[in-house]
């Protein structure tokens, strides 16, 4: 069966707070050491793939970054000759070259955690990713251990920051299986707002998408990344979530045919579409390495700019070639 494409719906994003002060130029033009002088620590480290701006700011406030022997502050700027130490390890920040931006779509299974080191020795998502010649992969948001689906990674800290920052208000869409009947009053309450322990929360959209037996599938959309938000909203109304899967992050959909633990790397065109979506400049140089294919036996999925969403189906099990389960239908976002 021919692999269908994920979809990117492009709507240019402008962060008004940043646009007044940020004079970022295309990455292809930021090449010399002199360009790095006088820039804030978080901007330099984000561009070098050390972490997103928010991660770097957290390291600074926690005292994990040391500049010239003193704890760094949020307003510090780097200049030639400065010494920078992160968590006890020196950073050769002046050697940070501008690496071509790379973005991976990873189909996370349940049972894996989104962390670099796990004290409980559980499987971690970063061990499944291709190696980078420079920098490191940054996870765009998180999925808890019991949630499956689309997880984005990039080596561009500024891109990660724009995709995650609350001011961006980027959609996250999930397919969720609920046990029991959900009334119209329940749906209204979930869309108007439910008071959780960390504040008011709501679904921006809820769509019924079929079911089997006592189970009901819904597609829900949120615009923030609070921990376990989708589960907690349903549980606040005493509903049990028996399955949860992210199918979309912003303009990027989980590709058809992309199995669990498989990756799809965005092509140059797909990457430019995503950069445009968050208000970053196009990159005018070739990627240093060829994008990975999801598998050797299947053609690469292509990201297309379309307005419609499609249903997907997993390869049918033996003897069930004509049967399509509720799970299959809910792998794709609704229109």
Foldseek 3Di string as FASTA:
>chain_A
DAWAFWAFAFDFFDDVVCVVPDPDDFLVVQFALQSQFFAWPLQLCLQLLQAASVVVQVQQVVQQKAKQNHRDHRPDGDHPPIWIGGNNHTDPSSPRGRAPKKKKKAWAAAFEFDDDDDPVPTHHLLVLDDDDPGHGWYWLATDHNQETETTMIMSRNHLSCLLAPLSNLWKWKKKWKWFADDDPVLQVDQAVWDQDPVGTAHWVDKDWQDDDDRITIIMTMGRHRPPPVVQVSCVSVPIHTPHMYTQDRHRTGGTAPQDHSFMAMADLVRVCSSCSRSVHHRHDDDHPDDTDARDPVHDRHHYYHDDAKDQHADCDDPPCRPDGDSVSRRNIDHD
